[in-house]
Amino acid sequence: NFSESGPGSGIYKSIDGGRTWSRSDMNGFPRGEGVGRIGLAVHP
């Protein structure tokens, strides 16, 4: 079997150079059991 999603999946943000993090509650982004792998890119 392969369980490839869960509520632990999500996007976290740091504003102090990666020393501390907080979960980013972005409007419209899914949360819950069905959130799987996430790929990120920031506009250059």
PDB file of all heavy atoms in Angstrom:
ATOM      1  N   ASN A   1       0.833  -1.191   0.000  1.00  0.00           N
ATOM      2  CA  ASN A   1       0.000   0.000   0.000  1.00  0.00           C
ATOM      3  C   ASN A   1       0.878   1.255   0.000  1.00  0.00           C
ATOM      4  O   ASN A   1       2.048   1.211   0.371  1.00  0.00           O
ATOM      5  CB  ASN A   1      -0.908   0.013   1.240  1.00  0.00           C
ATOM      6  CG  ASN A   1      -1.923   1.137   1.197  1.00  0.00           C
ATOM      7  OD1 ASN A   1      -2.473   1.440   0.143  1.00  0.00           O
ATOM      8  ND2 ASN A   1      -2.164   1.769   2.334  1.00  0.00           N
ATOM      9  N   PHE A   2       0.290   2.373  -0.410  1.00  0.00           N
ATOM     10  CA  PHE A   2       0.987   3.651  -0.378  1.00  0.00           C
ATOM     11  C   PHE A   2       0.004   4.714   0.090  1.00  0.00           C
ATOM     12  O   PHE A   2      -0.920   5.095  -0.627  1.00  0.00           O
ATOM     13  CB  PHE A   2       1.548   4.005  -1.754  1.00  0.00           C
ATOM     14  CG  PHE A   2       2.335   5.287  -1.787  1.00  0.00           C
ATOM     15  CD1 PHE A   2       2.904   5.807  -0.633  1.00  0.00           C
ATOM     16  CD2 PHE A   2       2.534   5.975  -2.970  1.00  0.00           C
ATOM     17  CE1 PHE A   2       3.635   6.989  -0.646  1.00  0.00           C
ATOM     18  CE2 PHE A   2       3.266   7.152  -3.004  1.00  0.00           C
ATOM     19  CZ  PHE A   2       3.811   7.657  -1.844  1.00  0.00           C
ATOM     20  N   SER A   3       0.192   5.195   1.308  1.00  0.00           N
ATOM     21  CA  SER A   3      -0.599   6.306   1.829  1.00  0.00           C
ATOM     22  C   SER A   3       0.166   7.581   1.508  1.00  0.00           C
ATOM     23  O   SER A   3       1.167   7.892   2.145  1.00  0.00           O
ATOM     24  CB  SER A   3      -0.809   6.150   3.340  1.00  0.00           C
ATOM     25  OG  SER A   3      -1.478   7.272   3.868  1.00  0.00           O
ATOM     26  N   GLU A   4      -0.301   8.340   0.529  1.00  0.00           N
ATOM     27  CA  GLU A   4       0.489   9.455  -0.004  1.00  0.00           C
ATOM     28  C   GLU A   4      -0.131  10.819   0.276  1.00  0.00           C
ATOM     29  O   GLU A   4       0.079  11.775  -0.471  1.00  0.00           O
ATOM     30  CB  GLU A   4       0.692   9.276  -1.510  1.00  0.00           C
ATOM     31  CG  GLU A   4      -0.565   8.978  -2.301  1.00  0.00           C
ATOM     32  CD  GLU A   4      -0.248   8.567  -3.728  1.00  0.00           C
ATOM     33  OE1 GLU A   4       0.609   9.206  -4.362  1.00  0.00           O
ATOM     34  OE2 GLU A   4      -0.853   7.594  -4.204  1.00  0.00           O
ATOM     35  N   SER A   5      -0.878  10.930   1.358  1.00  0.00           N
ATOM     36  CA  SER A   5      -1.438  12.221   1.741  1.00  0.00           C
ATOM     37  C   SER A   5      -1.837  12.168   3.207  1.00  0.00           C
ATOM     38  O   SER A   5      -1.851  11.106   3.824  1.00  0.00           O
ATOM     39  CB  SER A   5      -2.666  12.557   0.875  1.00  0.00           C
ATOM     40  OG  SER A   5      -3.708  11.621   1.104  1.00  0.00           O
ATOM     41  N   GLY A   6      -2.176  13.336   3.762  1.00  0.00           N
ATOM     42  CA  GLY A   6      -2.598  13.384   5.156  1.00  0.00           C
ATOM     43  C   GLY A   6      -2.644  14.807   5.667  1.00  0.00           C
ATOM     44  O   GLY A   6      -2.158  15.747   5.010  1.00  0.00           O
ATOM     45  N   PRO A   7      -3.217  15.013   6.850  1.00  0.00           N
ATOM     46  CA  PRO A   7      -3.348  16.363   7.401  1.00  0.00           C
ATOM     47  C   PRO A   7      -2.019  17.018   7.755  1.00  0.00           C
ATOM     48  O   PRO A   7      -1.957  18.233   7.931  1.00  0.00           O
ATOM     49  CB  PRO A   7      -4.211  16.146   8.658  1.00  0.00           C
ATOM     50  CG  PRO A   7      -4.006  14.702   9.020  1.00  0.00           C
ATOM     51  CD  PRO A   7      -3.826  13.986   7.725  1.00  0.00           C
ATOM     52  N   GLY A   8      -0.941  16.231   7.853  1.00  0.00           N
ATOM     53  CA  GLY A   8       0.367  16.823   8.127  1.00  0.00           C
ATOM     54  C   GLY A   8       0.931  17.584   6.944  1.00  0.00           C
ATOM     55  O   GLY A   8       1.823  18.431   7.105  1.00  0.00           O
ATOM     56  N   SER A   9       0.427  17.302   5.740  1.00  0.00           N
ATOM     57  CA  SER A   9       0.904  17.998   4.542  1.00  0.00           C
ATOM     58  C   SER A   9       0.447  19.447   4.556  1.00  0.00           C
ATOM     59  O   SER A   9      -0.685  19.753   4.948  1.00  0.00           O
ATOM     60  CB  SER A   9       0.368  17.306   3.288  1.00  0.00           C
ATOM     61  OG  SER A   9       0.780  15.954   3.215  1.00  0.00           O
ATOM     62  N   GLY A  10       1.310  20.345   4.115  1.00  0.00           N
ATOM     63  CA  GLY A  10       0.953  21.752   4.073  1.00  0.00           C
ATOM     64  C   GLY A  10       2.156  22.622   3.786  1.00  0.00           C
ATOM     65  O   GLY A  10       3.277  22.137   3.622  1.00  0.00           O
ATOM     66  N   ILE A  11       1.924  23.920   3.728  1.00  0.00           N
ATOM     67  CA  ILE A  11       2.967  24.893   3.423  1.00  0.00           C
ATOM     68  C   ILE A  11       3.295  25.689   4.691  1.00  0.00           C
ATOM     69  O   ILE A  11       2.395  26.180   5.378  1.00  0.00           O
ATOM     70  CB  ILE A  11       2.523  25.851   2.304  1.00  0.00           C
ATOM     71  CG1 ILE A  11       2.197  25.057   1.027  1.00  0.00           C
ATOM     72  CG2 ILE A  11       3.601  26.884   2.018  1.00  0.00           C
ATOM     73  CD1 ILE A  11       1.589  25.907  -0.072  1.00  0.00           C
ATOM     74  N   TYR A  12       4.585  25.796   4.986  1.00  0.00           N
ATOM     75  CA  TYR A  12       5.049  26.538   6.157  1.00  0.00           C
ATOM     76  C   TYR A  12       5.918  27.713   5.696  1.00  0.00           C
ATOM     77  O   TYR A  12       6.604  27.624   4.670  1.00  0.00           O
ATOM     78  CB  TYR A  12       5.847  25.638   7.091  1.00  0.00           C
ATOM     79  CG  TYR A  12       4.986  24.659   7.862  1.00  0.00           C
ATOM     80  CD1 TYR A  12       4.427  23.556   7.242  1.00  0.00           C
ATOM     81  CD2 TYR A  12       4.725  24.857   9.214  1.00  0.00           C
ATOM     82  CE1 TYR A  12       3.625  22.657   7.942  1.00  0.00           C
ATOM     83  CE2 TYR A  12       3.929  23.970   9.932  1.00  0.00           C
ATOM     84  CZ  TYR A  12       3.389  22.876   9.288  1.00  0.00           C
ATOM     85  OH  TYR A  12       2.604  22.001   9.994  1.00  0.00           O
ATOM     86  N   LYS A  13       5.897  28.782   6.486  1.00  0.00           N
ATOM     87  CA  LYS A  13       6.642  29.995   6.128  1.00  0.00           C
ATOM     88  C   LYS A  13       7.554  30.409   7.278  1.00  0.00           C
ATOM     89  O   LYS A  13       7.190  30.305   8.444  1.00  0.00           O
ATOM     90  CB  LYS A  13       5.667  31.137   5.809  1.00  0.00           C
ATOM     91  CG  LYS A  13       6.352  32.439   5.398  1.00  0.00           C
ATOM     92  CD  LYS A  13       5.317  33.519   5.083  1.00  0.00           C
ATOM     93  CE  LYS A  13       5.990  34.826   4.661  1.00  0.00           C
ATOM     94  NZ  LYS A  13       4.994  35.885   4.326  1.00  0.00           N
ATOM     95  N   SER A  14       8.748  30.874   6.907  1.00  0.00           N
ATOM     96  CA  SER A  14       9.687  31.437   7.875  1.00  0.00           C
ATOM     97  C   SER A  14      10.037  32.856   7.453  1.00  0.00           C
ATOM     98  O   SER A  14      10.260  33.114   6.263  1.00  0.00           O
ATOM     99  CB  SER A  14      10.960  30.595   7.951  1.00  0.00           C
ATOM    100  OG  SER A  14      11.933  31.222   8.776  1.00  0.00           O
ATOM    101  N   ILE A  15      10.096  33.759   8.422  1.00  0.00           N
ATOM    102  CA  ILE A  15      10.475  35.148   8.131  1.00  0.00           C
ATOM    103  C   ILE A  15      11.756  35.536   8.852  1.00  0.00           C
ATOM    104  O   ILE A  15      12.144  36.708   8.860  1.00  0.00           O
ATOM    105  CB  ILE A  15       9.341  36.120   8.507  1.00  0.00           C
ATOM    106  CG1 ILE A  15       8.982  36.009   9.981  1.00  0.00           C
ATOM    107  CG2 ILE A  15       8.115  35.888   7.628  1.00  0.00           C
ATOM    108  CD1 ILE A  15       7.972  37.057  10.445  1.00  0.00           C
ATOM    109  N   ASP A  16      12.417  34.527   9.447  1.00  0.00           N
ATOM    110  CA  ASP A  16      13.673  34.803  10.153  1.00  0.00           C
ATOM    111  C   ASP A  16      14.801  33.891   9.673  1.00  0.00           C
ATOM    112  O   ASP A  16      15.621  33.426  10.454  1.00  0.00           O
ATOM    113  CB  ASP A  16      13.486  34.679  11.662  1.00  0.00           C
ATOM    114  CG  ASP A  16      12.981  33.297  12.074  1.00  0.00           C
ATOM    115  OD1 ASP A  16      12.833  32.417  11.195  1.00  0.00           O
ATOM    116  OD2 ASP A  16      12.734  33.096  13.271  1.00  0.00           O
ATOM    117  N   GLY A  17      14.823  33.644   8.371  1.00  0.00           N
ATOM    118  CA  GLY A  17      15.913  32.866   7.804  1.00  0.00           C
ATOM    119  C   GLY A  17      15.865  31.392   8.136  1.00  0.00           C
ATOM    120  O   GLY A  17      16.907  30.742   8.198  1.00  0.00           O
ATOM    121  N   GLY A  18      14.667  30.839   8.327  1.00  0.00           N
ATOM    122  CA  GLY A  18      14.533  29.413   8.557  1.00  0.00           C
ATOM    123  C   GLY A  18      14.749  28.962   9.975  1.00  0.00           C
ATOM    124  O   GLY A  18      14.828  27.763  10.243  1.00  0.00           O
ATOM    125  N   ARG A  19      14.822  29.893  10.900  1.00  0.00           N
ATOM    126  CA  ARG A  19      15.039  29.520  12.305  1.00  0.00           C
ATOM    127  C   ARG A  19      13.737  29.109  12.995  1.00  0.00           C
ATOM    128  O   ARG A  19      13.732  28.219  13.845  1.00  0.00           O
ATOM    129  CB  ARG A  19      15.710  30.673  13.055  1.00  0.00           C
ATOM    130  CG  ARG A  19      17.163  30.889  12.606  1.00  0.00           C
ATOM    131  CD  ARG A  19      17.730  32.202  13.118  1.00  0.00           C
ATOM    132  NE  ARG A  19      19.148  32.340  12.766  1.00  0.00           N
ATOM    133  CZ  ARG A  19      19.576  32.763  11.578  1.00  0.00           C
ATOM    134  NH1 ARG A  19      18.701  33.063  10.629  1.00  0.00           N
ATOM    135  NH2 ARG A  19      20.874  32.858  11.324  1.00  0.00           N
ATOM    136  N   THR A  20      12.640  29.747  12.629  1.00  0.00           N
ATOM    137  CA  THR A  20      11.326  29.363  13.139  1.00  0.00           C
ATOM    138  C   THR A  20      10.342  29.349  11.980  1.00  0.00           C
ATOM    139  O   THR A  20      10.546  30.039  10.959  1.00  0.00           O
ATOM    140  CB  THR A  20      10.818  30.340  14.220  1.00  0.00           C
ATOM    141  OG1 THR A  20      10.703  31.654  13.655  1.00  0.00           O
ATOM    142  CG2 THR A  20      11.776  30.380  15.409  1.00  0.00           C
ATOM    143  N   TRP A  21       9.264  28.559  12.151  1.00  0.00           N
ATOM    144  CA  TRP A  21       8.290  28.369  11.071  1.00  0.00           C
ATOM    145  C   TRP A  21       6.875  28.442  11.611  1.00  0.00           C
ATOM    146  O   TRP A  21       6.619  28.124  12.782  1.00  0.00           O
ATOM    147  CB  TRP A  21       8.495  27.012  10.404  1.00  0.00           C
ATOM    148  CG  TRP A  21       9.843  26.825   9.785  1.00  0.00           C
ATOM    149  CD1 TRP A  21      10.994  26.451  10.411  1.00  0.00           C
ATOM    150  CD2 TRP A  21      10.174  27.023   8.406  1.00  0.00           C
ATOM    151  NE1 TRP A  21      12.034  26.397   9.510  1.00  0.00           N
ATOM    152  CE2 TRP A  21      11.559  26.746   8.266  1.00  0.00           C
ATOM    153  CE3 TRP A  21       9.451  27.396   7.278  1.00  0.00           C
ATOM    154  CZ2 TRP A  21      12.225  26.827   7.059  1.00  0.00           C
ATOM    155  CZ3 TRP A  21      10.105  27.486   6.058  1.00  0.00           C
ATOM    156  CH2 TRP A  21      11.473  27.202   5.953  1.00  0.00           C
ATOM    157  N   SER A  22       5.952  28.846  10.741  1.00  0.00           N
ATOM    158  CA  SER A  22       4.533  28.817  11.070  1.00  0.00           C
ATOM    159  C   SER A  22       3.765  28.309   9.853  1.00  0.00           C
ATOM    160  O   SER A  22       4.154  28.575   8.703  1.00  0.00           O
ATOM    161  CB  SER A  22       4.028  30.208  11.469  1.00  0.00           C
ATOM    162  OG  SER A  22       4.212  31.134  10.413  1.00  0.00           O
ATOM    163  N   ARG A  23       2.714  27.555  10.119  1.00  0.00           N
ATOM    164  CA  ARG A  23       1.908  27.024   9.023  1.00  0.00           C
ATOM    165  C   ARG A  23       1.184  28.177   8.324  1.00  0.00           C
ATOM    166  O   ARG A  23       0.611  29.046   8.979  1.00  0.00           O
ATOM    167  CB  ARG A  23       0.904  26.005   9.529  1.00  0.00           C
ATOM    168  CG  ARG A  23       0.105  25.354   8.417  1.00  0.00           C
ATOM    169  CD  ARG A  23      -0.338  23.972   8.788  1.00  0.00           C
ATOM    170  NE  ARG A  23      -1.045  23.328   7.688  1.00  0.00           N
ATOM    171  CZ  ARG A  23      -1.191  22.030   7.544  1.00  0.00           C
ATOM    172  NH1 ARG A  23      -0.667  21.215   8.450  1.00  0.00           N
ATOM    173  NH2 ARG A  23      -1.841  21.524   6.530  1.00  0.00           N
ATOM    174  N   SER A  24       1.234  28.157   7.003  1.00  0.00           N
ATOM    175  CA  SER A  24       0.641  29.232   6.225  1.00  0.00           C
ATOM    176  C   SER A  24      -0.786  28.852   5.845  1.00  0.00           C
ATOM    177  O   SER A  24      -1.002  27.924   5.061  1.00  0.00           O
ATOM    178  CB  SER A  24       1.477  29.487   4.965  1.00  0.00           C
ATOM    179  OG  SER A  24       0.924  30.527   4.200  1.00  0.00           O
ATOM    180  N   ASP A  25      -1.770  29.526   6.425  1.00  0.00           N
ATOM    181  CA  ASP A  25      -3.174  29.265   6.118  1.00  0.00           C
ATOM    182  C   ASP A  25      -3.599  30.130   4.934  1.00  0.00           C
ATOM    183  O   ASP A  25      -4.218  31.189   5.096  1.00  0.00           O
ATOM    184  CB  ASP A  25      -4.050  29.557   7.335  1.00  0.00           C
ATOM    185  CG  ASP A  25      -3.766  28.585   8.465  1.00  0.00           C
ATOM    186  OD1 ASP A  25      -3.551  27.399   8.175  1.00  0.00           O
ATOM    187  OD2 ASP A  25      -3.742  29.023   9.632  1.00  0.00           O
ATOM    188  N   MET A  26      -3.253  29.677   3.759  1.00  0.00           N
ATOM    189  CA  MET A  26      -3.575  30.445   2.560  1.00  0.00           C
ATOM    190  C   MET A  26      -5.020  30.181   2.150  1.00  0.00           C
ATOM    191  O   MET A  26      -5.465  29.039   2.080  1.00  0.00           O
ATOM    192  CB  MET A  26      -2.628  30.044   1.421  1.00  0.00           C
ATOM    193  CG  MET A  26      -1.171  30.313   1.736  1.00  0.00           C
ATOM    194  SD  MET A  26      -0.084  29.832   0.383  1.00  0.00           S
ATOM    195  CE  MET A  26       1.514  30.224   1.089  1.00  0.00           C
ATOM    196  N   ASN A  27      -5.723  31.264   1.874  1.00  0.00           N
ATOM    197  CA  ASN A  27      -7.118  31.127   1.466  1.00  0.00           C
ATOM    198  C   ASN A  27      -7.210  30.327   0.173  1.00  0.00           C
ATOM    199  O   ASN A  27      -6.533  30.629  -0.816  1.00  0.00           O
ATOM    200  CB  ASN A  27      -7.750  32.508   1.258  1.00  0.00           C
ATOM    201  CG  ASN A  27      -7.908  33.259   2.566  1.00  0.00           C
ATOM    202  OD1 ASN A  27      -8.034  32.643   3.621  1.00  0.00           O
ATOM    203  ND2 ASN A  27      -7.890  34.584   2.502  1.00  0.00           N
ATOM    204  N   GLY A  28      -8.044  29.291   0.201  1.00  0.00           N
ATOM    205  CA  GLY A  28      -8.267  28.501  -0.995  1.00  0.00           C
ATOM    206  C   GLY A  28      -7.372  27.287  -1.118  1.00  0.00           C
ATOM    207  O   GLY A  28      -7.649  26.399  -1.940  1.00  0.00           O
ATOM    208  N   PHE A  29      -6.287  27.206  -0.327  1.00  0.00           N
ATOM    209  CA  PHE A  29      -5.418  26.038  -0.437  1.00  0.00           C
ATOM    210  C   PHE A  29      -5.976  24.909   0.420  1.00  0.00           C
ATOM    211  O   PHE A  29      -6.325  25.120   1.581  1.00  0.00           O
ATOM    212  CB  PHE A  29      -3.991  26.367  -0.006  1.00  0.00           C
ATOM    213  CG  PHE A  29      -2.985  25.342  -0.443  1.00  0.00           C
ATOM    214  CD1 PHE A  29      -2.470  25.376  -1.724  1.00  0.00           C
ATOM    215  CD2 PHE A  29      -2.585  24.320   0.408  1.00  0.00           C
ATOM    216  CE1 PHE A  29      -1.554  24.427  -2.146  1.00  0.00           C
ATOM    217  CE2 PHE A  29      -1.675  23.366   0.001  1.00  0.00           C
ATOM    218  CZ  PHE A  29      -1.157  23.416  -1.285  1.00  0.00           C
ATOM    219  N   PRO A  30      -6.071  23.686  -0.121  1.00  0.00           N
ATOM    220  CA  PRO A  30      -6.704  22.580   0.611  1.00  0.00           C
ATOM    221  C   PRO A  30      -5.960  22.205   1.892  1.00  0.00           C
ATOM    222  O   PRO A  30      -4.756  22.401   2.007  1.00  0.00           O
ATOM    223  CB  PRO A  30      -6.664  21.427  -0.401  1.00  0.00           C
ATOM    224  CG  PRO A  30      -6.462  22.070  -1.724  1.00  0.00           C
ATOM    225  CD  PRO A  30      -5.653  23.292  -1.465  1.00  0.00           C
ATOM    226  N   ARG A  31      -6.720  21.652   2.840  1.00  0.00           N
ATOM    227  CA  ARG A  31      -6.171  21.082   4.054  1.00  0.00           C
ATOM    228  C   ARG A  31      -6.917  19.797   4.347  1.00  0.00           C
ATOM    229  O   ARG A  31      -8.076  19.625   3.977  1.00  0.00           O
ATOM    230  CB  ARG A  31      -6.322  22.044   5.238  1.00  0.00           C
ATOM    231  CG  ARG A  31      -5.521  23.324   5.103  1.00  0.00           C
ATOM    232  CD  ARG A  31      -5.512  24.126   6.388  1.00  0.00           C
ATOM    233  NE  ARG A  31      -4.758  23.439   7.440  1.00  0.00           N
ATOM    234  CZ  ARG A  31      -4.346  24.021   8.559  1.00  0.00           C
ATOM    235  NH1 ARG A  31      -4.606  25.298   8.772  1.00  0.00           N
ATOM    236  NH2 ARG A  31      -3.682  23.354   9.474  1.00  0.00           N
ATOM    237  N   GLY A  32      -6.235  18.843   5.011  1.00  0.00           N
ATOM    238  CA  GLY A  32      -6.918  17.625   5.408  1.00  0.00           C
ATOM    239  C   GLY A  32      -6.275  16.366   4.887  1.00  0.00           C
ATOM    240  O   GLY A  32      -5.133  16.365   4.416  1.00  0.00           O
ATOM    241  N   GLU A  33      -7.022  15.271   4.949  1.00  0.00           N
ATOM    242  CA  GLU A  33      -6.504  13.945   4.624  1.00  0.00           C
ATOM    243  C   GLU A  33      -6.059  13.807   3.176  1.00  0.00           C
ATOM    244  O   GLU A  33      -5.206  12.990   2.866  1.00  0.00           O
ATOM    245  CB  GLU A  33      -7.573  12.890   4.924  1.00  0.00           C
ATOM    246  CG  GLU A  33      -7.901  12.727   6.398  1.00  0.00           C
ATOM    247  CD  GLU A  33      -6.768  12.050   7.158  1.00  0.00           C
ATOM    248  OE1 GLU A  33      -5.891  11.449   6.507  1.00  0.00           O
ATOM    249  OE2 GLU A  33      -6.773  12.126   8.400  1.00  0.00           O
ATOM    250  N   GLY A  34      -6.629  14.591   2.275  1.00  0.00           N
ATOM    251  CA  GLY A  34      -6.326  14.417   0.860  1.00  0.00           C
ATOM    252  C   GLY A  34      -5.179  15.240   0.324  1.00  0.00           C
ATOM    253  O   GLY A  34      -4.883  15.191  -0.875  1.00  0.00           O
ATOM    254  N   VAL A  35      -4.493  15.998   1.185  1.00  0.00           N
ATOM    255  CA  VAL A  35      -3.386  16.845   0.712  1.00  0.00           C
ATOM    256  C   VAL A  35      -2.136  15.997   0.572  1.00  0.00           C
ATOM    257  O   VAL A  35      -1.607  15.469   1.549  1.00  0.00           O
ATOM    258  CB  VAL A  35      -3.139  18.024   1.670  1.00  0.00           C
ATOM    259  CG1 VAL A  35      -1.992  18.887   1.154  1.00  0.00           C
ATOM    260  CG2 VAL A  35      -4.403  18.859   1.823  1.00  0.00           C
ATOM    261  N   GLY A  36      -1.658  15.863  -0.652  1.00  0.00           N
ATOM    262  CA  GLY A  36      -0.481  15.045  -0.926  1.00  0.00           C
ATOM    263  C   GLY A  36       0.761  15.888  -1.139  1.00  0.00           C
ATOM    264  O   GLY A  36       0.931  16.945  -0.526  1.00  0.00           O
ATOM    265  N   ARG A  37       1.604  15.442  -2.038  1.00  0.00           N
ATOM    266  CA  ARG A  37       2.876  16.123  -2.294  1.00  0.00           C
ATOM    267  C   ARG A  37       2.628  17.513  -2.879  1.00  0.00           C
ATOM    268  O   ARG A  37       1.742  17.716  -3.702  1.00  0.00           O
ATOM    269  CB  ARG A  37       3.726  15.280  -3.248  1.00  0.00           C
ATOM    270  CG  ARG A  37       5.086  15.875  -3.561  1.00  0.00           C
ATOM    271  CD  ARG A  37       5.950  14.900  -4.331  1.00  0.00           C
ATOM    272  NE  ARG A  37       7.260  15.467  -4.619  1.00  0.00           N
ATOM    273  CZ  ARG A  37       8.279  14.790  -5.130  1.00  0.00           C
ATOM    274  NH1 ARG A  37       8.133  13.508  -5.408  1.00  0.00           N
ATOM    275  NH2 ARG A  37       9.438  15.366  -5.358  1.00  0.00           N
ATOM    276  N   ILE A  38       3.478  18.466  -2.466  1.00  0.00           N
ATOM    277  CA  ILE A  38       3.356  19.856  -2.900  1.00  0.00           C
ATOM    278  C   ILE A  38       4.686  20.314  -3.491  1.00  0.00           C
ATOM    279  O   ILE A  38       5.744  20.102  -2.894  1.00  0.00           O
ATOM    280  CB  ILE A  38       2.977  20.781  -1.728  1.00  0.00           C
ATOM    281  CG1 ILE A  38       1.681  20.308  -1.063  1.00  0.00           C
ATOM    282  CG2 ILE A  38       2.838  22.226  -2.195  1.00  0.00           C
ATOM    283  CD1 ILE A  38       1.394  20.999   0.255  1.00  0.00           C
ATOM    284  N   GLY A  39       4.629  20.938  -4.650  1.00  0.00           N
ATOM    285  CA  GLY A  39       5.795  21.565  -5.255  1.00  0.00           C
ATOM    286  C   GLY A  39       5.635  23.071  -5.234  1.00  0.00           C
ATOM    287  O   GLY A  39       4.538  23.593  -5.483  1.00  0.00           O
ATOM    288  N   LEU A  40       6.709  23.798  -4.929  1.00  0.00           N
ATOM    289  CA  LEU A  40       6.625  25.249  -4.743  1.00  0.00           C
ATOM    290  C   LEU A  40       7.534  26.008  -5.705  1.00  0.00           C
ATOM    291  O   LEU A  40       8.591  25.503  -6.113  1.00  0.00           O
ATOM    292  CB  LEU A  40       7.020  25.626  -3.312  1.00  0.00           C
ATOM    293  CG  LEU A  40       6.188  25.039  -2.172  1.00  0.00           C
ATOM    294  CD1 LEU A  40       6.800  25.444  -0.833  1.00  0.00           C
ATOM    295  CD2 LEU A  40       4.745  25.489  -2.268  1.00  0.00           C
ATOM    296  N   ALA A  41       7.120  27.211  -6.065  1.00  0.00           N
ATOM    297  CA  ALA A  41       7.957  28.131  -6.841  1.00  0.00           C
ATOM    298  C   ALA A  41       7.527  29.555  -6.521  1.00  0.00           C
ATOM    299  O   ALA A  41       6.326  29.848  -6.460  1.00  0.00           O
ATOM    300  CB  ALA A  41       7.824  27.858  -8.333  1.00  0.00           C
ATOM    301  N   VAL A  42       8.510  30.439  -6.320  1.00  0.00           N
ATOM    302  CA  VAL A  42       8.248  31.854  -6.075  1.00  0.00           C
ATOM    303  C   VAL A  42       8.599  32.626  -7.342  1.00  0.00           C
ATOM    304  O   VAL A  42       9.633  32.393  -7.969  1.00  0.00           O
ATOM    305  CB  VAL A  42       9.076  32.373  -4.883  1.00  0.00           C
ATOM    306  CG1 VAL A  42       8.832  33.862  -4.668  1.00  0.00           C
ATOM    307  CG2 VAL A  42       8.737  31.604  -3.620  1.00  0.00           C
ATOM    308  N   HIS A  43       7.728  33.568  -7.720  1.00  0.00           N
ATOM    309  CA  HIS A  43       7.960  34.375  -8.911  1.00  0.00           C
ATOM    310  C   HIS A  43       9.293  35.122  -8.761  1.00  0.00           C
ATOM    311  O   HIS A  43       9.545  35.751  -7.726  1.00  0.00           O
ATOM    312  CB  HIS A  43       6.815  35.367  -9.095  1.00  0.00           C
ATOM    313  CG  HIS A  43       6.766  35.982 -10.456  1.00  0.00           C
ATOM    314  ND1 HIS A  43       7.670  36.930 -10.891  1.00  0.00           N
ATOM    315  CD2 HIS A  43       5.913  35.773 -11.502  1.00  0.00           C
ATOM    316  CE1 HIS A  43       7.391  37.296 -12.126  1.00  0.00           C
ATOM    317  NE2 HIS A  43       6.319  36.608 -12.522  1.00  0.00           N
ATOM    318  N   PRO A  44      10.158  35.087  -9.764  1.00  0.00           N
ATOM    319  CA  PRO A  44      11.511  35.656  -9.604  1.00  0.00           C
ATOM    320  C   PRO A  44      11.542  37.167  -9.451  1.00  0.00           C
ATOM    321  O   PRO A  44      12.488  37.704  -8.853  1.00  0.00           O
ATOM    322  CB  PRO A  44      12.229  35.216 -10.888  1.00  0.00           C
ATOM    323  CG  PRO A  44      11.125  34.940 -11.861  1.00  0.00           C
ATOM    324  CD  PRO A  44       9.976  34.423 -11.065  1.00  0.00           C
TER     325      PRO A  44
END
